[in-house]
Amino acid sequence: MNWHNLASTLLGAMLTFSGILLTRALDIRKQRLNQEKLIEALLQGIRDEIHGLFELSKNGSVHPIDAIDDEKPYEGHFTASQDYFTVYHKNVSLVLQINDTNLRRSIIQTYARAKGLLDTISMNRSYLERYYFLQSTFLKTKEPSVQAEAEAYHRTLIQTAAQLKRMQIGFKNSSNDLLSRL
């Protein structure tokens, strides 16, 4: 047996294997850096989206929830007819890959609160439309059962307004916490 050929073959195999390991390590590092860049871009997008939601709530087309008088219904007619959470919805799988558990939880909770707030505003609008219809019907018919139903809707609207105020406070607090983390 030729020891020189064997040593040469083993050295070549070790160098090839080392090259493969180095290439793999470099690929893993590159993937990790790309992942970090994606998450950083996602966090910037989320920051912008949350700021946009705040701007929307300050916009004159949305009746301010915090201006609701106690014992009065919220009479805003805003309808969430589009997806205001594009960045979040398009990147949920990336959100779940964020290593910072508290940041990930804060993102998910903030969006859940925003969605709950918008859903409640939409529900309130439906109740408000029904209430207006019942009031109009009562003025035409003077039917006591219609008046009773309108009064029940009015009580529900007052309860929903109080709920909206609490939900908006929860969303603002959650959003401010999230923005401070970002």
N, C-alpha and C. Protein backbone atom coordinates (compact mmCIF):
# COMPACT_ATOMS: atom_id res chain seq x y z
N MET A 1 0.84 -1.16 0.00
CA MET A 1 0.00 0.00 0.00
C MET A 1 0.90 1.24 0.00
N ASN A 2 0.50 2.18 -0.75
CA ASN A 2 1.26 3.41 -0.90
C ASN A 2 0.71 4.45 0.08
N TRP A 3 1.49 4.69 1.14
CA TRP A 3 1.05 5.62 2.17
C TRP A 3 0.97 7.05 1.66
N HIS A 4 1.76 7.34 0.73
CA HIS A 4 1.78 8.69 0.18
C HIS A 4 0.44 8.98 -0.54
N ASN A 5 -0.04 8.03 -1.35
CA ASN A 5 -1.32 8.21 -2.04
C ASN A 5 -2.49 8.26 -1.04
N LEU A 6 -2.41 7.40 -0.02
CA LEU A 6 -3.47 7.38 0.98
C LEU A 6 -3.52 8.71 1.75
N ALA A 7 -2.37 9.22 2.16
CA ALA A 7 -2.30 10.48 2.88
C ALA A 7 -2.79 11.62 2.00
N SER A 8 -2.39 11.57 0.74
CA SER A 8 -2.81 12.60 -0.20
C SER A 8 -4.32 12.57 -0.40
N THR A 9 -4.91 11.39 -0.51
CA THR A 9 -6.35 11.24 -0.69
C THR A 9 -7.09 11.72 0.56
N LEU A 10 -6.59 11.33 1.73
CA LEU A 10 -7.23 11.75 2.98
C LEU A 10 -7.14 13.27 3.16
N LEU A 11 -6.01 13.85 2.83
CA LEU A 11 -5.85 15.29 2.92
C LEU A 11 -6.81 15.99 1.96
N GLY A 12 -6.91 15.48 0.76
CA GLY A 12 -7.85 16.05 -0.22
C GLY A 12 -9.29 15.95 0.25
N ALA A 13 -9.65 14.82 0.82
CA ALA A 13 -11.01 14.61 1.33
C ALA A 13 -11.29 15.56 2.49
N MET A 14 -10.31 15.73 3.38
CA MET A 14 -10.49 16.63 4.51
C MET A 14 -10.63 18.07 4.04
N LEU A 15 -9.85 18.47 3.06
CA LEU A 15 -9.96 19.83 2.53
C LEU A 15 -11.31 20.04 1.85
N THR A 16 -11.76 19.04 1.10
CA THR A 16 -13.07 19.13 0.44
C THR A 16 -14.18 19.22 1.47
N PHE A 17 -14.11 18.36 2.48
CA PHE A 17 -15.12 18.37 3.54
C PHE A 17 -15.10 19.70 4.29
N SER A 18 -13.92 20.22 4.58
CA SER A 18 -13.80 21.52 5.25
C SER A 18 -14.41 22.62 4.39
N GLY A 19 -14.18 22.55 3.09
CA GLY A 19 -14.76 23.53 2.17
C GLY A 19 -16.28 23.46 2.17
N ILE A 20 -16.81 22.23 2.21
CA ILE A 20 -18.26 22.05 2.25
C ILE A 20 -18.82 22.63 3.55
N LEU A 21 -18.17 22.34 4.67
CA LEU A 21 -18.61 22.86 5.96
C LEU A 21 -18.55 24.39 5.98
N LEU A 22 -17.47 24.96 5.46
CA LEU A 22 -17.32 26.41 5.42
C LEU A 22 -18.41 27.03 4.54
N THR A 23 -18.65 26.44 3.38
CA THR A 23 -19.70 26.94 2.48
C THR A 23 -21.06 26.87 3.15
N ARG A 24 -21.33 25.78 3.83
CA ARG A 24 -22.61 25.63 4.53
C ARG A 24 -22.74 26.66 5.65
N ALA A 25 -21.67 26.88 6.39
CA ALA A 25 -21.69 27.88 7.47
C ALA A 25 -21.93 29.27 6.89
N LEU A 26 -21.30 29.57 5.78
CA LEU A 26 -21.50 30.88 5.13
C LEU A 26 -22.94 31.02 4.62
N ASP A 27 -23.51 29.94 4.09
CA ASP A 27 -24.91 29.97 3.62
C ASP A 27 -25.87 30.20 4.79
N ILE A 28 -25.61 29.51 5.89
CA ILE A 28 -26.47 29.69 7.08
C ILE A 28 -26.37 31.12 7.58
N ARG A 29 -25.17 31.67 7.61
CA ARG A 29 -24.98 33.06 8.05
C ARG A 29 -25.71 34.01 7.12
N LYS A 30 -25.61 33.77 5.83
CA LYS A 30 -26.29 34.63 4.85
C LYS A 30 -27.81 34.54 5.02
N GLN A 31 -28.34 33.34 5.24
CA GLN A 31 -29.79 33.17 5.46
C GLN A 31 -30.23 33.89 6.73
N ARG A 32 -29.42 33.80 7.78
CA ARG A 32 -29.76 34.47 9.03
C ARG A 32 -29.77 35.99 8.84
N LEU A 33 -28.78 36.52 8.12
CA LEU A 33 -28.74 37.97 7.85
C LEU A 33 -29.93 38.41 7.01
N ASN A 34 -30.29 37.60 6.02
CA ASN A 34 -31.47 37.92 5.20
C ASN A 34 -32.74 37.90 6.04
N GLN A 35 -32.84 36.92 6.94
CA GLN A 35 -34.00 36.83 7.83
C GLN A 35 -34.07 38.06 8.73
N GLU A 36 -32.93 38.47 9.26
CA GLU A 36 -32.89 39.66 10.11
C GLU A 36 -33.31 40.91 9.34
N LYS A 37 -32.88 41.02 8.09
CA LYS A 37 -33.28 42.16 7.25
C LYS A 37 -34.78 42.14 6.99
N LEU A 38 -35.33 40.95 6.72
CA LEU A 38 -36.77 40.82 6.51
C LEU A 38 -37.56 41.23 7.75
N ILE A 39 -37.11 40.78 8.89
CA ILE A 39 -37.81 41.12 10.13
C ILE A 39 -37.69 42.61 10.42
N GLU A 40 -36.52 43.19 10.16
CA GLU A 40 -36.36 44.64 10.37
C GLU A 40 -37.30 45.42 9.44
N ALA A 41 -37.41 44.99 8.19
CA ALA A 41 -38.33 45.64 7.26
C ALA A 41 -39.79 45.46 7.72
N LEU A 42 -40.10 44.28 8.22
CA LEU A 42 -41.44 44.02 8.76
C LEU A 42 -41.75 44.96 9.92
N LEU A 43 -40.80 45.09 10.84
CA LEU A 43 -41.02 45.95 12.00
C LEU A 43 -41.21 47.40 11.59
N GLN A 44 -40.49 47.85 10.57
CA GLN A 44 -40.69 49.21 10.05
C GLN A 44 -42.08 49.33 9.43
N GLY A 45 -42.50 48.31 8.69
CA GLY A 45 -43.83 48.32 8.10
C GLY A 45 -44.92 48.34 9.16
N ILE A 46 -44.75 47.57 10.21
CA ILE A 46 -45.72 47.56 11.30
C ILE A 46 -45.76 48.92 11.98
N ARG A 47 -44.59 49.50 12.21
CA ARG A 47 -44.53 50.84 12.82
C ARG A 47 -45.33 51.83 11.96
N ASP A 48 -45.11 51.79 10.65
CA ASP A 48 -45.81 52.70 9.74
C ASP A 48 -47.31 52.43 9.72
N GLU A 49 -47.69 51.15 9.76
CA GLU A 49 -49.11 50.79 9.73
C GLU A 49 -49.82 51.27 11.01
N ILE A 50 -49.19 51.08 12.15
CA ILE A 50 -49.78 51.54 13.41
C ILE A 50 -49.91 53.07 13.41
N HIS A 51 -48.87 53.77 12.94
CA HIS A 51 -48.96 55.23 12.83
C HIS A 51 -50.11 55.62 11.90
N GLY A 52 -50.28 54.89 10.81
CA GLY A 52 -51.38 55.15 9.88
C GLY A 52 -52.73 54.98 10.53
N LEU A 53 -52.87 53.97 11.38
CA LEU A 53 -54.13 53.76 12.09
C LEU A 53 -54.41 54.92 13.04
N PHE A 54 -53.35 55.42 13.70
CA PHE A 54 -53.53 56.59 14.56
C PHE A 54 -53.98 57.79 13.75
N GLU A 55 -53.37 57.99 12.59
CA GLU A 55 -53.74 59.12 11.74
C GLU A 55 -55.19 58.99 11.28
N LEU A 56 -55.59 57.78 10.95
CA LEU A 56 -56.97 57.53 10.54
C LEU A 56 -57.94 57.90 11.66
N SER A 57 -57.57 57.54 12.89
CA SER A 57 -58.47 57.83 14.00
C SER A 57 -58.52 59.33 14.31
N LYS A 58 -57.49 60.08 13.94
CA LYS A 58 -57.48 61.53 14.15
C LYS A 58 -58.19 62.27 13.01
N ASN A 59 -58.33 61.59 11.88
CA ASN A 59 -58.94 62.17 10.69
C ASN A 59 -60.37 62.61 11.01
N GLY A 60 -60.78 63.70 10.43
CA GLY A 60 -62.12 64.25 10.68
C GLY A 60 -63.25 63.36 10.21
N SER A 61 -62.98 62.39 9.34
CA SER A 61 -64.06 61.54 8.85
C SER A 61 -64.46 60.48 9.87
N VAL A 62 -63.68 60.34 10.92
CA VAL A 62 -64.01 59.38 11.97
C VAL A 62 -64.40 60.16 13.22
N HIS A 63 -65.63 59.96 13.65
CA HIS A 63 -66.12 60.61 14.87
C HIS A 63 -65.29 60.11 16.04
N PRO A 64 -64.63 61.02 16.78
CA PRO A 64 -63.75 60.56 17.86
C PRO A 64 -64.49 59.80 18.96
N ILE A 65 -64.01 58.63 19.26
CA ILE A 65 -64.65 57.78 20.26
C ILE A 65 -64.49 58.39 21.65
N ASP A 66 -63.34 58.97 21.93
CA ASP A 66 -63.13 59.51 23.27
C ASP A 66 -63.99 60.74 23.55
N ALA A 67 -64.68 61.27 22.52
CA ALA A 67 -65.58 62.40 22.71
C ALA A 67 -67.00 61.97 23.05
N ILE A 68 -67.22 60.67 23.16
CA ILE A 68 -68.56 60.16 23.49
C ILE A 68 -68.91 60.57 24.91
N ASP A 69 -70.08 61.18 25.06
CA ASP A 69 -70.59 61.51 26.39
C ASP A 69 -71.10 60.23 27.04
N ASP A 70 -70.89 60.14 28.36
CA ASP A 70 -71.45 59.00 29.09
C ASP A 70 -72.96 59.01 28.93
N GLU A 71 -73.53 57.84 28.86
CA GLU A 71 -74.98 57.66 28.72
C GLU A 71 -75.51 58.13 27.37
N LYS A 72 -74.62 58.21 26.37
CA LYS A 72 -75.05 58.54 25.02
C LYS A 72 -74.42 57.53 24.06
N PRO A 73 -75.11 57.24 22.96
CA PRO A 73 -74.54 56.31 21.99
C PRO A 73 -73.43 56.96 21.16
N TYR A 74 -72.60 56.12 20.58
CA TYR A 74 -71.59 56.58 19.63
C TYR A 74 -72.27 56.65 18.27
N GLU A 75 -72.27 57.83 17.67
CA GLU A 75 -73.00 58.02 16.41
C GLU A 75 -72.07 58.16 15.21
N GLY A 76 -70.88 57.63 15.32
CA GLY A 76 -69.97 57.62 14.18
C GLY A 76 -70.44 56.63 13.13
N HIS A 77 -70.24 56.97 11.89
CA HIS A 77 -70.70 56.09 10.80
C HIS A 77 -69.55 55.44 10.05
N PHE A 78 -68.39 55.39 10.67
CA PHE A 78 -67.23 54.78 10.05
C PHE A 78 -67.47 53.30 9.84
N THR A 79 -67.11 52.81 8.67
CA THR A 79 -67.22 51.39 8.38
C THR A 79 -65.87 50.88 7.90
N ALA A 80 -65.38 49.84 8.52
CA ALA A 80 -64.12 49.23 8.11
C ALA A 80 -64.41 48.30 6.94
N SER A 81 -64.44 48.88 5.75
CA SER A 81 -64.79 48.08 4.58
C SER A 81 -63.57 47.59 3.82
N GLN A 82 -62.41 47.84 4.36
CA GLN A 82 -61.20 47.37 3.72
C GLN A 82 -60.25 46.84 4.78
N ASP A 83 -59.18 46.23 4.33
CA ASP A 83 -58.20 45.68 5.26
C ASP A 83 -57.20 46.78 5.62
N TYR A 84 -57.26 47.23 6.86
CA TYR A 84 -56.34 48.27 7.33
C TYR A 84 -55.06 47.65 7.88
N PHE A 85 -54.94 46.34 7.83
CA PHE A 85 -53.80 45.64 8.42
C PHE A 85 -53.01 44.87 7.36
N THR A 86 -52.75 45.48 6.24
CA THR A 86 -52.10 44.82 5.11
C THR A 86 -50.74 44.26 5.48
N VAL A 87 -49.90 45.05 6.10
CA VAL A 87 -48.54 44.60 6.46
C VAL A 87 -48.63 43.40 7.38
N TYR A 88 -49.47 43.50 8.39
CA TYR A 88 -49.60 42.42 9.36
C TYR A 88 -50.12 41.14 8.69
N HIS A 89 -51.21 41.24 7.96
CA HIS A 89 -51.82 40.05 7.36
C HIS A 89 -50.92 39.39 6.33
N LYS A 90 -50.19 40.17 5.58
CA LYS A 90 -49.32 39.59 4.55
C LYS A 90 -48.07 38.95 5.13
N ASN A 91 -47.78 39.23 6.41
CA ASN A 91 -46.52 38.78 7.00
C ASN A 91 -46.68 38.06 8.33
N VAL A 92 -47.83 37.48 8.57
CA VAL A 92 -48.08 36.79 9.85
C VAL A 92 -47.02 35.71 10.09
N SER A 93 -46.66 34.95 9.08
CA SER A 93 -45.67 33.89 9.29
C SER A 93 -44.32 34.48 9.71
N LEU A 94 -44.00 35.66 9.21
CA LEU A 94 -42.75 36.31 9.60
C LEU A 94 -42.86 36.88 11.02
N VAL A 95 -44.03 37.38 11.39
CA VAL A 95 -44.24 37.88 12.75
C VAL A 95 -43.98 36.74 13.75
N LEU A 96 -44.43 35.55 13.42
CA LEU A 96 -44.26 34.41 14.32
C LEU A 96 -42.79 33.98 14.44
N GLN A 97 -41.93 34.48 13.55
CA GLN A 97 -40.51 34.14 13.61
C GLN A 97 -39.69 35.17 14.40
N ILE A 98 -40.34 36.20 14.92
CA ILE A 98 -39.63 37.20 15.72
C ILE A 98 -39.19 36.53 17.02
N ASN A 99 -37.91 36.59 17.31
CA ASN A 99 -37.36 35.91 18.49
C ASN A 99 -37.75 36.56 19.80
N ASP A 100 -37.93 37.86 19.81
CA ASP A 100 -38.28 38.57 21.04
C ASP A 100 -39.74 38.27 21.38
N THR A 101 -39.93 37.42 22.37
CA THR A 101 -41.28 36.96 22.75
C THR A 101 -42.20 38.12 23.11
N ASN A 102 -41.70 39.08 23.88
CA ASN A 102 -42.53 40.20 24.31
C ASN A 102 -42.92 41.09 23.13
N LEU A 103 -42.01 41.31 22.21
CA LEU A 103 -42.32 42.11 21.02
C LEU A 103 -43.35 41.40 20.16
N ARG A 104 -43.14 40.09 19.95
CA ARG A 104 -44.08 39.31 19.14
C ARG A 104 -45.47 39.35 19.77
N ARG A 105 -45.54 39.16 21.08
CA ARG A 105 -46.82 39.19 21.80
C ARG A 105 -47.47 40.57 21.69
N SER A 106 -46.67 41.61 21.81
CA SER A 106 -47.18 42.98 21.72
C SER A 106 -47.76 43.27 20.34
N ILE A 107 -47.10 42.80 19.31
CA ILE A 107 -47.60 42.99 17.93
C ILE A 107 -48.96 42.29 17.78
N ILE A 108 -49.02 41.04 18.17
CA ILE A 108 -50.25 40.27 18.01
C ILE A 108 -51.39 40.88 18.82
N GLN A 109 -51.12 41.27 20.06
CA GLN A 109 -52.16 41.86 20.91
C GLN A 109 -52.64 43.19 20.35
N THR A 110 -51.73 44.00 19.85
CA THR A 110 -52.12 45.30 19.31
C THR A 110 -53.04 45.13 18.11
N TYR A 111 -52.69 44.23 17.21
CA TYR A 111 -53.54 44.02 16.05
C TYR A 111 -54.87 43.39 16.44
N ALA A 112 -54.87 42.50 17.41
CA ALA A 112 -56.13 41.91 17.87
C ALA A 112 -57.03 42.99 18.47
N ARG A 113 -56.45 43.90 19.22
CA ARG A 113 -57.24 44.99 19.80
C ARG A 113 -57.75 45.94 18.74
N ALA A 114 -56.92 46.24 17.75
CA ALA A 114 -57.36 47.13 16.67
C ALA A 114 -58.51 46.49 15.90
N LYS A 115 -58.37 45.21 15.60
CA LYS A 115 -59.43 44.51 14.87
C LYS A 115 -60.71 44.46 15.70
N GLY A 116 -60.59 44.17 16.98
CA GLY A 116 -61.76 44.15 17.86
C GLY A 116 -62.44 45.50 17.91
N LEU A 117 -61.65 46.56 17.96
CA LEU A 117 -62.20 47.92 17.97
C LEU A 117 -62.96 48.20 16.68
N LEU A 118 -62.36 47.88 15.54
CA LEU A 118 -63.03 48.13 14.26
C LEU A 118 -64.28 47.26 14.11
N ASP A 119 -64.22 46.02 14.57
CA ASP A 119 -65.40 45.16 14.51
C ASP A 119 -66.54 45.72 15.37
N THR A 120 -66.19 46.24 16.53
CA THR A 120 -67.21 46.80 17.42
C THR A 120 -67.79 48.08 16.84
N ILE A 121 -66.96 48.88 16.18
CA ILE A 121 -67.47 50.08 15.51
C ILE A 121 -68.46 49.68 14.41
N SER A 122 -68.13 48.65 13.65
CA SER A 122 -69.04 48.18 12.60
C SER A 122 -70.34 47.65 13.19
N MET A 123 -70.23 46.90 14.30
CA MET A 123 -71.42 46.39 14.96
C MET A 123 -72.27 47.55 15.47
N ASN A 124 -71.62 48.57 16.04
CA ASN A 124 -72.32 49.75 16.53
C ASN A 124 -73.07 50.43 15.38
N ARG A 125 -72.44 50.49 14.23
CA ARG A 125 -73.10 51.13 13.08
C ARG A 125 -74.37 50.37 12.70
N SER A 126 -74.30 49.06 12.72
CA SER A 126 -75.50 48.27 12.42
C SER A 126 -76.61 48.53 13.43
N TYR A 127 -76.24 48.57 14.71
CA TYR A 127 -77.23 48.87 15.75
C TYR A 127 -77.81 50.28 15.55
N LEU A 128 -76.93 51.21 15.20
CA LEU A 128 -77.36 52.60 15.01
C LEU A 128 -78.35 52.71 13.84
N GLU A 129 -78.05 52.02 12.75
CA GLU A 129 -78.96 52.04 11.60
C GLU A 129 -80.32 51.45 11.98
N ARG A 130 -80.30 50.36 12.71
CA ARG A 130 -81.56 49.73 13.14
C ARG A 130 -82.31 50.68 14.08
N TYR A 131 -81.60 51.34 14.98
CA TYR A 131 -82.22 52.28 15.90
C TYR A 131 -82.87 53.42 15.14
N TYR A 132 -82.19 54.00 14.17
CA TYR A 132 -82.77 55.09 13.36
C TYR A 132 -84.02 54.61 12.61
N PHE A 133 -83.94 53.40 12.08
CA PHE A 133 -85.09 52.84 11.37
C PHE A 133 -86.29 52.70 12.32
N LEU A 134 -86.03 52.17 13.51
CA LEU A 134 -87.12 51.99 14.48
C LEU A 134 -87.70 53.33 14.93
N GLN A 135 -86.85 54.32 15.13
CA GLN A 135 -87.35 55.65 15.49
C GLN A 135 -88.25 56.21 14.39
N SER A 136 -87.80 56.07 13.16
CA SER A 136 -88.57 56.56 12.03
C SER A 136 -89.91 55.82 11.92
N THR A 137 -89.85 54.52 12.10
CA THR A 137 -91.07 53.70 12.04
C THR A 137 -92.03 54.09 13.15
N PHE A 138 -91.51 54.32 14.34
CA PHE A 138 -92.37 54.71 15.44
C PHE A 138 -93.04 56.07 15.17
N LEU A 139 -92.30 57.00 14.61
CA LEU A 139 -92.89 58.31 14.31
C LEU A 139 -94.04 58.19 13.31
N LYS A 140 -93.95 57.20 12.45
CA LYS A 140 -95.01 57.00 11.44
C LYS A 140 -96.18 56.19 12.01
N THR A 141 -95.88 55.19 12.83
CA THR A 141 -96.93 54.25 13.26
C THR A 141 -97.41 54.48 14.69
N LYS A 142 -96.60 55.08 15.52
CA LYS A 142 -96.91 55.27 16.95
C LYS A 142 -97.17 53.94 17.66
N GLU A 143 -96.60 52.89 17.15
CA GLU A 143 -96.75 51.54 17.68
C GLU A 143 -95.87 51.38 18.93
N PRO A 144 -96.47 51.07 20.10
CA PRO A 144 -95.69 50.95 21.34
C PRO A 144 -94.59 49.88 21.27
N SER A 145 -94.84 48.79 20.58
CA SER A 145 -93.82 47.73 20.49
C SER A 145 -92.58 48.21 19.72
N VAL A 146 -92.81 49.07 18.73
CA VAL A 146 -91.69 49.62 17.97
C VAL A 146 -90.90 50.58 18.87
N GLN A 147 -91.62 51.36 19.65
CA GLN A 147 -90.95 52.28 20.57
C GLN A 147 -90.13 51.50 21.60
N ALA A 148 -90.68 50.43 22.12
CA ALA A 148 -89.98 49.61 23.10
C ALA A 148 -88.70 49.00 22.49
N GLU A 149 -88.81 48.54 21.25
CA GLU A 149 -87.64 47.97 20.58
C GLU A 149 -86.59 49.06 20.32
N ALA A 150 -87.03 50.26 19.93
CA ALA A 150 -86.11 51.37 19.71
C ALA A 150 -85.39 51.72 21.02
N GLU A 151 -86.13 51.72 22.12
CA GLU A 151 -85.52 52.02 23.42
C GLU A 151 -84.50 50.96 23.81
N ALA A 152 -84.80 49.70 23.49
CA ALA A 152 -83.85 48.61 23.78
C ALA A 152 -82.57 48.80 22.96
N TYR A 153 -82.72 49.18 21.70
CA TYR A 153 -81.55 49.43 20.87
C TYR A 153 -80.76 50.63 21.41
N HIS A 154 -81.46 51.64 21.89
CA HIS A 154 -80.79 52.81 22.45
C HIS A 154 -79.93 52.41 23.66
N ARG A 155 -80.47 51.56 24.54
CA ARG A 155 -79.71 51.08 25.69
C ARG A 155 -78.49 50.28 25.24
N THR A 156 -78.69 49.44 24.23
CA THR A 156 -77.57 48.66 23.69
C THR A 156 -76.50 49.57 23.11
N LEU A 157 -76.92 50.62 22.42
CA LEU A 157 -75.97 51.58 21.86
C LEU A 157 -75.17 52.29 22.95
N ILE A 158 -75.81 52.62 24.05
CA ILE A 158 -75.10 53.27 25.16
C ILE A 158 -74.06 52.31 25.76
N GLN A 159 -74.45 51.05 25.92
CA GLN A 159 -73.51 50.04 26.43
C GLN A 159 -72.35 49.83 25.46
N THR A 160 -72.67 49.81 24.17
CA THR A 160 -71.64 49.63 23.15
C THR A 160 -70.68 50.82 23.13
N ALA A 161 -71.20 52.03 23.34
CA ALA A 161 -70.35 53.23 23.38
C ALA A 161 -69.35 53.13 24.53
N ALA A 162 -69.80 52.67 25.68
CA ALA A 162 -68.89 52.51 26.82
C ALA A 162 -67.83 51.45 26.51
N GLN A 163 -68.26 50.39 25.84
CA GLN A 163 -67.34 49.34 25.44
C GLN A 163 -66.32 49.88 24.44
N LEU A 164 -66.77 50.70 23.50
CA LEU A 164 -65.87 51.30 22.51
C LEU A 164 -64.81 52.16 23.18
N LYS A 165 -65.22 52.93 24.18
CA LYS A 165 -64.25 53.77 24.89
C LYS A 165 -63.17 52.90 25.55
N ARG A 166 -63.60 51.83 26.21
CA ARG A 166 -62.63 50.93 26.86
C ARG A 166 -61.71 50.28 25.82
N MET A 167 -62.29 49.86 24.71
CA MET A 167 -61.50 49.21 23.67
C MET A 167 -60.50 50.18 23.04
N GLN A 168 -60.92 51.42 22.85
CA GLN A 168 -60.00 52.40 22.27
C GLN A 168 -58.84 52.68 23.22
N ILE A 169 -59.13 52.77 24.50
CA ILE A 169 -58.06 52.98 25.48
C ILE A 169 -57.10 51.79 25.45
N GLY A 170 -57.64 50.57 25.40
CA GLY A 170 -56.80 49.38 25.32
C GLY A 170 -55.94 49.38 24.07
N PHE A 171 -56.53 49.78 22.93
CA PHE A 171 -55.77 49.84 21.69
C PHE A 171 -54.67 50.90 21.78
N LYS A 172 -55.01 52.08 22.28
CA LYS A 172 -54.00 53.14 22.39
C LYS A 172 -52.85 52.72 23.29
N ASN A 173 -53.17 52.13 24.44
CA ASN A 173 -52.13 51.68 25.36
C ASN A 173 -51.25 50.61 24.73
N SER A 174 -51.89 49.65 24.09
CA SER A 174 -51.17 48.57 23.44
C SER A 174 -50.30 49.11 22.30
N SER A 175 -50.85 50.02 21.52
CA SER A 175 -50.11 50.61 20.40
C SER A 175 -48.91 51.41 20.89
N ASN A 176 -49.12 52.21 21.93
CA ASN A 176 -48.02 53.00 22.46
C ASN A 176 -46.91 52.10 22.99
N ASP A 177 -47.30 51.01 23.66
CA ASP A 177 -46.33 50.04 24.15
C ASP A 177 -45.56 49.41 22.98
N LEU A 178 -46.30 49.03 21.94
CA LEU A 178 -45.66 48.42 20.78
C LEU A 178 -44.71 49.40 20.09
N LEU A 179 -45.17 50.63 19.89
CA LEU A 179 -44.32 51.62 19.22
C LEU A 179 -43.06 51.90 20.04
N SER A 180 -43.15 51.87 21.34
CA SER A 180 -41.95 52.10 22.16
C SER A 180 -40.97 50.92 22.03
N ARG A 181 -41.49 49.73 21.77
CA ARG A 181 -40.62 48.55 21.59
C ARG A 181 -39.97 48.53 20.22
N LEU A 182 -40.67 49.13 19.25
CA LEU A 182 -40.14 49.12 17.89
C LEU A 182 -39.05 50.16 17.77
